[in-house]
Amino acid sequence: MHGLIHLLIQHTSHTCVHLVNQQSIPAVSGIITLRDLKAGTYQVDWWDTYATTAPVLNTETMSVTDTMKLELPQPLATDIAVKI
């Protein structure tokens, strides 16, 4: 679809090796910066990529001029997706 942005944010320590060996995976926080966007208002949906029911974690509306800063909605121990 035209006008959509999809992101998959991967936690690089969340691997099969860590899971099979039952190793703890430290949660990480962070900010994702998107530049050169068209000025306007955007709906941001954060998705839990492992949820089987209610996968949308959070929805927010952001107004931007050309740069959007997305703060992770929670410290991540797995992966997360974003639809804008």
PDB file of N, CA and C in Angstrom:
ATOM      1  N   MET A   1       0.837  -1.189   0.000  1.00  0.00           N
ATOM      2  CA  MET A   1       0.000   0.000   0.000  1.00  0.00           C
ATOM      3  C   MET A   1       0.876   1.245   0.000  1.00  0.00           C
ATOM      4  N   HIS A   2       0.414   2.223  -0.658  1.00  0.00           N
ATOM      5  CA  HIS A   2       1.122   3.495  -0.712  1.00  0.00           C
ATOM      6  C   HIS A   2       0.911   4.256   0.598  1.00  0.00           C
ATOM      7  N   GLY A   3       1.987   4.861   1.117  1.00  0.00           N
ATOM      8  CA  GLY A   3       1.866   5.689   2.299  1.00  0.00           C
ATOM      9  C   GLY A   3       2.029   4.963   3.617  1.00  0.00           C
ATOM     10  N   LEU A   4       2.479   3.721   3.587  1.00  0.00           N
ATOM     11  CA  LEU A   4       2.696   2.967   4.821  1.00  0.00           C
ATOM     12  C   LEU A   4       4.179   2.706   5.033  1.00  0.00           C
ATOM     13  N   ILE A   5       4.560   2.623   6.292  1.00  0.00           N
ATOM     14  CA  ILE A   5       5.921   2.240   6.670  1.00  0.00           C
ATOM     15  C   ILE A   5       5.795   1.032   7.583  1.00  0.00           C
ATOM     16  N   HIS A   6       6.560  -0.010   7.302  1.00  0.00           N
ATOM     17  CA  HIS A   6       6.588  -1.194   8.148  1.00  0.00           C
ATOM     18  C   HIS A   6       8.016  -1.428   8.607  1.00  0.00           C
ATOM     19  N   LEU A   7       8.192  -1.658   9.905  1.00  0.00           N
ATOM     20  CA  LEU A   7       9.516  -1.921  10.464  1.00  0.00           C
ATOM     21  C   LEU A   7       9.460  -3.179  11.325  1.00  0.00           C
ATOM     22  N   LEU A   8      10.515  -3.960  11.276  1.00  0.00           N
ATOM     23  CA  LEU A   8      10.701  -5.059  12.214  1.00  0.00           C
ATOM     24  C   LEU A   8      11.970  -4.748  12.974  1.00  0.00           C
ATOM     25  N   ILE A   9      11.847  -4.587  14.283  1.00  0.00           N
ATOM     26  CA  ILE A   9      12.987  -4.294  15.130  1.00  0.00           C
ATOM     27  C   ILE A   9      13.410  -5.609  15.772  1.00  0.00           C
ATOM     28  N   GLN A  10      14.607  -6.048  15.419  1.00  0.00           N
ATOM     29  CA  GLN A  10      15.097  -7.346  15.874  1.00  0.00           C
ATOM     30  C   GLN A  10      16.012  -7.178  17.075  1.00  0.00           C
ATOM     31  N   HIS A  11      15.754  -7.967  18.102  1.00  0.00           N
ATOM     32  CA  HIS A  11      16.663  -8.040  19.250  1.00  0.00           C
ATOM     33  C   HIS A  11      17.719  -9.071  18.869  1.00  0.00           C
ATOM     34  N   THR A  12      18.943  -8.620  18.633  1.00  0.00           N
ATOM     35  CA  THR A  12      19.977  -9.496  18.081  1.00  0.00           C
ATOM     36  C   THR A  12      20.398 -10.625  19.017  1.00  0.00           C
ATOM     37  N   SER A  13      20.088 -10.523  20.296  1.00  0.00           N
ATOM     38  CA  SER A  13      20.409 -11.620  21.218  1.00  0.00           C
ATOM     39  C   SER A  13      19.288 -12.649  21.307  1.00  0.00           C
ATOM     40  N   HIS A  14      18.140 -12.334  20.733  1.00  0.00           N
ATOM     41  CA  HIS A  14      17.012 -13.267  20.757  1.00  0.00           C
ATOM     42  C   HIS A  14      17.191 -14.259  19.610  1.00  0.00           C
ATOM     43  N   THR A  15      17.955 -15.326  19.884  1.00  0.00           N
ATOM     44  CA  THR A  15      18.289 -16.311  18.855  1.00  0.00           C
ATOM     45  C   THR A  15      17.865 -17.703  19.305  1.00  0.00           C
ATOM     46  N   CYS A  16      17.857 -18.626  18.361  1.00  0.00           N
ATOM     47  CA  CYS A  16      17.526 -20.023  18.682  1.00  0.00           C
ATOM     48  C   CYS A  16      18.509 -20.593  19.699  1.00  0.00           C
ATOM     49  N   VAL A  17      19.774 -20.247  19.579  1.00  0.00           N
ATOM     50  CA  VAL A  17      20.793 -20.753  20.515  1.00  0.00           C
ATOM     51  C   VAL A  17      20.456 -20.339  21.939  1.00  0.00           C
ATOM     52  N   HIS A  18      20.120 -19.069  22.128  1.00  0.00           N
ATOM     53  CA  HIS A  18      19.764 -18.593  23.470  1.00  0.00           C
ATOM     54  C   HIS A  18      18.522 -19.307  23.990  1.00  0.00           C
ATOM     55  N   LEU A  19      17.545 -19.509  23.122  1.00  0.00           N
ATOM     56  CA  LEU A  19      16.301 -20.151  23.545  1.00  0.00           C
ATOM     57  C   LEU A  19      16.511 -21.622  23.872  1.00  0.00           C
ATOM     58  N   VAL A  20      17.233 -22.342  23.020  1.00  0.00           N
ATOM     59  CA  VAL A  20      17.477 -23.774  23.249  1.00  0.00           C
ATOM     60  C   VAL A  20      18.294 -23.987  24.525  1.00  0.00           C
ATOM     61  N   ASN A  21      19.286 -23.133  24.733  1.00  0.00           N
ATOM     62  CA  ASN A  21      20.138 -23.252  25.923  1.00  0.00           C
ATOM     63  C   ASN A  21      19.519 -22.606  27.158  1.00  0.00           C
ATOM     64  N   GLN A  22      18.317 -22.081  27.007  1.00  0.00           N
ATOM     65  CA  GLN A  22      17.583 -21.422  28.088  1.00  0.00           C
ATOM     66  C   GLN A  22      18.413 -20.327  28.758  1.00  0.00           C
ATOM     67  N   GLN A  23      19.131 -19.573  27.932  1.00  0.00           N
ATOM     68  CA  GLN A  23      19.930 -18.461  28.425  1.00  0.00           C
ATOM     69  C   GLN A  23      19.046 -17.226  28.541  1.00  0.00           C
ATOM     70  N   SER A  24      19.267 -16.452  29.569  1.00  0.00           N
ATOM     71  CA  SER A  24      18.469 -15.231  29.713  1.00  0.00           C
ATOM     72  C   SER A  24      18.895 -14.228  28.643  1.00  0.00           C
ATOM     73  N   ILE A  25      17.934 -13.465  28.196  1.00  0.00           N
ATOM     74  CA  ILE A  25      18.166 -12.452  27.179  1.00  0.00           C
ATOM     75  C   ILE A  25      17.892 -11.094  27.821  1.00  0.00           C
ATOM     76  N   PRO A  26      18.910 -10.252  27.942  1.00  0.00           N
ATOM     77  CA  PRO A  26      18.684  -8.944  28.581  1.00  0.00           C
ATOM     78  C   PRO A  26      17.790  -8.064  27.713  1.00  0.00           C
ATOM     79  N   ALA A  27      16.844  -7.408  28.343  1.00  0.00           N
ATOM     80  CA  ALA A  27      15.946  -6.494  27.632  1.00  0.00           C
ATOM     81  C   ALA A  27      16.714  -5.225  27.251  1.00  0.00           C
ATOM     82  N   VAL A  28      16.348  -4.663  26.107  1.00  0.00           N
ATOM     83  CA  VAL A  28      16.996  -3.436  25.634  1.00  0.00           C
ATOM     84  C   VAL A  28      15.951  -2.358  25.372  1.00  0.00           C
ATOM     85  N   SER A  29      16.367  -1.125  25.519  1.00  0.00           N
ATOM     86  CA  SER A  29      15.532   0.030  25.209  1.00  0.00           C
ATOM     87  C   SER A  29      16.196   0.796  24.079  1.00  0.00           C
ATOM     88  N   GLY A  30      15.455   1.683  23.460  1.00  0.00           N
ATOM     89  CA  GLY A  30      16.067   2.460  22.398  1.00  0.00           C
ATOM     90  C   GLY A  30      15.105   3.387  21.698  1.00  0.00           C
ATOM     91  N   ILE A  31      15.658   4.184  20.795  1.00  0.00           N
ATOM     92  CA  ILE A  31      14.900   5.134  19.993  1.00  0.00           C
ATOM     93  C   ILE A  31      15.263   4.911  18.532  1.00  0.00           C
ATOM     94  N   ILE A  32      14.260   4.837  17.682  1.00  0.00           N
ATOM     95  CA  ILE A  32      14.442   4.693  16.249  1.00  0.00           C
ATOM     96  C   ILE A  32      14.131   6.043  15.618  1.00  0.00           C
ATOM     97  N   THR A  33      15.020   6.531  14.770  1.00  0.00           N
ATOM     98  CA  THR A  33      14.824   7.819  14.119  1.00  0.00           C
ATOM     99  C   THR A  33      14.572   7.606  12.628  1.00  0.00           C
ATOM    100  N   LEU A  34      13.462   8.140  12.140  1.00  0.00           N
ATOM    101  CA  LEU A  34      13.121   8.098  10.714  1.00  0.00           C
ATOM    102  C   LEU A  34      13.199   9.516  10.179  1.00  0.00           C
ATOM    103  N   ARG A  35      13.978   9.703   9.116  1.00  0.00           N
ATOM    104  CA  ARG A  35      14.182  11.036   8.549  1.00  0.00           C
ATOM    105  C   ARG A  35      13.536  11.144   7.168  1.00  0.00           C
ATOM    106  N   ASP A  36      13.401  12.381   6.730  1.00  0.00           N
ATOM    107  CA  ASP A  36      12.894  12.707   5.388  1.00  0.00           C
ATOM    108  C   ASP A  36      11.463  12.223   5.160  1.00  0.00           C
ATOM    109  N   LEU A  37      10.649  12.307   6.205  1.00  0.00           N
ATOM    110  CA  LEU A  37       9.231  11.977   6.070  1.00  0.00           C
ATOM    111  C   LEU A  37       8.468  13.202   5.588  1.00  0.00           C
ATOM    112  N   LYS A  38       7.348  12.949   4.964  1.00  0.00           N
ATOM    113  CA  LYS A  38       6.447  14.034   4.577  1.00  0.00           C
ATOM    114  C   LYS A  38       5.812  14.594   5.847  1.00  0.00           C
ATOM    115  N   ALA A  39       5.759  15.899   5.976  1.00  0.00           N
ATOM    116  CA  ALA A  39       5.153  16.531   7.151  1.00  0.00           C
ATOM    117  C   ALA A  39       3.698  16.102   7.271  1.00  0.00           C
ATOM    118  N   GLY A  40       3.277  15.828   8.494  1.00  0.00           N
ATOM    119  CA  GLY A  40       1.893  15.442   8.717  1.00  0.00           C
ATOM    120  C   GLY A  40       1.709  14.702  10.025  1.00  0.00           C
ATOM    121  N   THR A  41       0.548  14.103  10.157  1.00  0.00           N
ATOM    122  CA  THR A  41       0.192  13.327  11.344  1.00  0.00           C
ATOM    123  C   THR A  41       0.183  11.852  10.969  1.00  0.00           C
ATOM    124  N   TYR A  42       0.814  11.045  11.796  1.00  0.00           N
ATOM    125  CA  TYR A  42       0.952   9.620  11.523  1.00  0.00           C
ATOM    126  C   TYR A  42       0.397   8.800  12.683  1.00  0.00           C
ATOM    127  N   GLN A  43      -0.245   7.686  12.364  1.00  0.00           N
ATOM    128  CA  GLN A  43      -0.659   6.722  13.379  1.00  0.00           C
ATOM    129  C   GLN A  43       0.430   5.655  13.460  1.00  0.00           C
ATOM    130  N   VAL A  44       0.901   5.400  14.669  1.00  0.00           N
ATOM    131  CA  VAL A  44       1.970   4.431  14.905  1.00  0.00           C
ATOM    132  C   VAL A  44       1.392   3.269  15.706  1.00  0.00           C
ATOM    133  N   ASP A  45       1.446   2.072  15.127  1.00  0.00           N
ATOM    134  CA  ASP A  45       0.977   0.857  15.802  1.00  0.00           C
ATOM    135  C   ASP A  45       2.171  -0.032  16.111  1.00  0.00           C
ATOM    136  N   TRP A  46       2.356  -0.356  17.389  1.00  0.00           N
ATOM    137  CA  TRP A  46       3.411  -1.277  17.821  1.00  0.00           C
ATOM    138  C   TRP A  46       2.805  -2.670  17.932  1.00  0.00           C
ATOM    139  N   TRP A  47       3.456  -3.665  17.309  1.00  0.00           N
ATOM    140  CA  TRP A  47       2.930  -5.027  17.246  1.00  0.00           C
ATOM    141  C   TRP A  47       3.854  -6.008  17.964  1.00  0.00           C
ATOM    142  N   ASP A  48       3.270  -6.857  18.792  1.00  0.00           N
ATOM    143  CA  ASP A  48       3.992  -7.979  19.396  1.00  0.00           C
ATOM    144  C   ASP A  48       3.998  -9.098  18.355  1.00  0.00           C
ATOM    145  N   THR A  49       5.163  -9.406  17.813  1.00  0.00           N
ATOM    146  CA  THR A  49       5.250 -10.379  16.723  1.00  0.00           C
ATOM    147  C   THR A  49       5.049 -11.817  17.177  1.00  0.00           C
ATOM    148  N   TYR A  50       4.937 -12.043  18.475  1.00  0.00           N
ATOM    149  CA  TYR A  50       4.731 -13.392  19.002  1.00  0.00           C
ATOM    150  C   TYR A  50       3.332 -13.599  19.570  1.00  0.00           C
ATOM    151  N   ALA A  51       2.534 -12.567  19.630  1.00  0.00           N
ATOM    152  CA  ALA A  51       1.191 -12.678  20.211  1.00  0.00           C
ATOM    153  C   ALA A  51       0.258 -13.425  19.268  1.00  0.00           C
ATOM    154  N   THR A  52      -0.528 -14.311  19.824  1.00  0.00           N
ATOM    155  CA  THR A  52      -1.524 -15.023  19.021  1.00  0.00           C
ATOM    156  C   THR A  52      -2.892 -14.358  19.123  1.00  0.00           C
ATOM    157  N   THR A  53      -3.106 -13.567  20.163  1.00  0.00           N
ATOM    158  CA  THR A  53      -4.325 -12.767  20.288  1.00  0.00           C
ATOM    159  C   THR A  53      -3.904 -11.348  20.680  1.00  0.00           C
ATOM    160  N   ALA A  54      -4.632 -10.371  20.227  1.00  0.00           N
ATOM    161  CA  ALA A  54      -4.368  -8.957  20.529  1.00  0.00           C
ATOM    162  C   ALA A  54      -2.899  -8.584  20.315  1.00  0.00           C
ATOM    163  N   PRO A  55      -2.414  -8.672  19.070  1.00  0.00           N
ATOM    164  CA  PRO A  55      -0.998  -8.399  18.827  1.00  0.00           C
ATOM    165  C   PRO A  55      -0.595  -6.925  18.901  1.00  0.00           C
ATOM    166  N   VAL A  56      -1.566  -6.008  18.822  1.00  0.00           N
ATOM    167  CA  VAL A  56      -1.219  -4.586  18.883  1.00  0.00           C
ATOM    168  C   VAL A  56      -0.989  -4.197  20.340  1.00  0.00           C
ATOM    169  N   LEU A  57       0.248  -3.808  20.641  1.00  0.00           N
ATOM    170  CA  LEU A  57       0.618  -3.419  22.008  1.00  0.00           C
ATOM    171  C   LEU A  57       0.187  -2.003  22.352  1.00  0.00           C
ATOM    172  N   ASN A  58       0.344  -1.116  21.367  1.00  0.00           N
ATOM    173  CA  ASN A  58       0.149   0.295  21.642  1.00  0.00           C
ATOM    174  C   ASN A  58      -0.114   1.018  20.322  1.00  0.00           C
ATOM    175  N   THR A  59      -0.982   2.008  20.361  1.00  0.00           N
ATOM    176  CA  THR A  59      -1.233   2.862  19.202  1.00  0.00           C
ATOM    177  C   THR A  59      -1.102   4.305  19.653  1.00  0.00           C
ATOM    178  N   GLU A  60      -0.372   5.086  18.864  1.00  0.00           N
ATOM    179  CA  GLU A  60      -0.217   6.500  19.189  1.00  0.00           C
ATOM    180  C   GLU A  60      -0.265   7.315  17.899  1.00  0.00           C
ATOM    181  N   THR A  61      -0.562   8.597  18.033  1.00  0.00           N
ATOM    182  CA  THR A  61      -0.584   9.509  16.901  1.00  0.00           C
ATOM    183  C   THR A  61       0.540  10.513  17.097  1.00  0.00           C
ATOM    184  N   MET A  62       1.318  10.714  16.027  1.00  0.00           N
ATOM    185  CA  MET A  62       2.456  11.632  16.113  1.00  0.00           C
ATOM    186  C   MET A  62       2.393  12.638  14.975  1.00  0.00           C
ATOM    187  N   SER A  63       2.659  13.902  15.287  1.00  0.00           N
ATOM    188  CA  SER A  63       2.804  14.934  14.264  1.00  0.00           C
ATOM    189  C   SER A  63       4.290  15.160  14.035  1.00  0.00           C
ATOM    190  N   VAL A  64       4.701  15.174  12.767  1.00  0.00           N
ATOM    191  CA  VAL A  64       6.111  15.361  12.444  1.00  0.00           C
ATOM    192  C   VAL A  64       6.261  16.394  11.341  1.00  0.00           C
ATOM    193  N   THR A  65       7.427  17.017  11.291  1.00  0.00           N
ATOM    194  CA  THR A  65       7.755  17.915  10.180  1.00  0.00           C
ATOM    195  C   THR A  65       8.537  17.146   9.127  1.00  0.00           C
ATOM    196  N   ASP A  66       9.616  16.485   9.515  1.00  0.00           N
ATOM    197  CA  ASP A  66      10.352  15.628   8.590  1.00  0.00           C
ATOM    198  C   ASP A  66      11.073  14.486   9.295  1.00  0.00           C
ATOM    199  N   THR A  67      11.149  14.519  10.622  1.00  0.00           N
ATOM    200  CA  THR A  67      11.837  13.487  11.394  1.00  0.00           C
ATOM    201  C   THR A  67      10.915  12.946  12.469  1.00  0.00           C
ATOM    202  N   MET A  68      10.861  11.621  12.573  1.00  0.00           N
ATOM    203  CA  MET A  68      10.051  10.961  13.596  1.00  0.00           C
ATOM    204  C   MET A  68      10.987  10.180  14.510  1.00  0.00           C
ATOM    205  N   LYS A  69      10.829  10.375  15.814  1.00  0.00           N
ATOM    206  CA  LYS A  69      11.604   9.617  16.798  1.00  0.00           C
ATOM    207  C   LYS A  69      10.659   8.684  17.527  1.00  0.00           C
ATOM    208  N   LEU A  70      10.901   7.390  17.369  1.00  0.00           N
ATOM    209  CA  LEU A  70      10.059   6.373  17.981  1.00  0.00           C
ATOM    210  C   LEU A  70      10.795   5.743  19.154  1.00  0.00           C
ATOM    211  N   GLU A  71      10.273   5.934  20.345  1.00  0.00           N
ATOM    212  CA  GLU A  71      10.853   5.286  21.517  1.00  0.00           C
ATOM    213  C   GLU A  71      10.162   3.936  21.695  1.00  0.00           C
ATOM    214  N   LEU A  72      10.948   2.879  21.872  1.00  0.00           N
ATOM    215  CA  LEU A  72      10.361   1.558  22.062  1.00  0.00           C
ATOM    216  C   LEU A  72       9.362   1.618  23.209  1.00  0.00           C
ATOM    217  N   PRO A  73       8.186   1.012  23.044  1.00  0.00           N
ATOM    218  CA  PRO A  73       7.136   1.135  24.055  1.00  0.00           C
ATOM    219  C   PRO A  73       7.433   0.399  25.354  1.00  0.00           C
ATOM    220  N   GLN A  74       8.416  -0.492  25.311  1.00  0.00           N
ATOM    221  CA  GLN A  74       8.813  -1.243  26.504  1.00  0.00           C
ATOM    222  C   GLN A  74      10.192  -1.824  26.222  1.00  0.00           C
ATOM    223  N   PRO A  75      10.956  -2.137  27.275  1.00  0.00           N
ATOM    224  CA  PRO A  75      12.228  -2.802  27.038  1.00  0.00           C
ATOM    225  C   PRO A  75      11.973  -4.158  26.357  1.00  0.00           C
ATOM    226  N   LEU A  76      12.735  -4.435  25.311  1.00  0.00           N
ATOM    227  CA  LEU A  76      12.485  -5.624  24.503  1.00  0.00           C
ATOM    228  C   LEU A  76      13.402  -6.778  24.894  1.00  0.00           C
ATOM    229  N   ALA A  77      12.798  -7.952  25.021  1.00  0.00           N
ATOM    230  CA  ALA A  77      13.563  -9.183  25.185  1.00  0.00           C
ATOM    231  C   ALA A  77      13.419 -10.058  23.935  1.00  0.00           C
ATOM    232  N   THR A  78      12.498  -9.672  23.049  1.00  0.00           N
ATOM    233  CA  THR A  78      12.286 -10.398  21.786  1.00  0.00           C
ATOM    234  C   THR A  78      12.334  -9.383  20.650  1.00  0.00           C
ATOM    235  N   ASP A  79      11.478  -9.520  19.664  1.00  0.00           N
ATOM    236  CA  ASP A  79      11.396  -8.599  18.543  1.00  0.00           C
ATOM    237  C   ASP A  79      10.060  -7.860  18.605  1.00  0.00           C
ATOM    238  N   ILE A  80       9.962  -6.783  17.830  1.00  0.00           N
ATOM    239  CA  ILE A  80       8.725  -6.008  17.788  1.00  0.00           C
ATOM    240  C   ILE A  80       8.568  -5.433  16.380  1.00  0.00           C
ATOM    241  N   ALA A  81       7.358  -5.182  15.976  1.00  0.00           N
ATOM    242  CA  ALA A  81       7.092  -4.593  14.667  1.00  0.00           C
ATOM    243  C   ALA A  81       6.360  -3.269  14.832  1.00  0.00           C
ATOM    244  N   VAL A  82       6.498  -2.422  13.817  1.00  0.00           N
ATOM    245  CA  VAL A  82       5.832  -1.115  13.824  1.00  0.00           C
ATOM    246  C   VAL A  82       5.170  -0.926  12.462  1.00  0.00           C
ATOM    247  N   LYS A  83       3.928  -0.444  12.494  1.00  0.00           N
ATOM    248  CA  LYS A  83       3.229  -0.042  11.271  1.00  0.00           C
ATOM    249  C   LYS A  83       2.868   1.427  11.420  1.00  0.00           C
ATOM    250  N   ILE A  84       3.287   2.209  10.440  1.00  0.00           N
ATOM    251  CA  ILE A  84       3.021   3.650  10.475  1.00  0.00           C
ATOM    252  C   ILE A  84       2.213   4.014   9.243  1.00  0.00           C
TER     253      ILE A  84
END
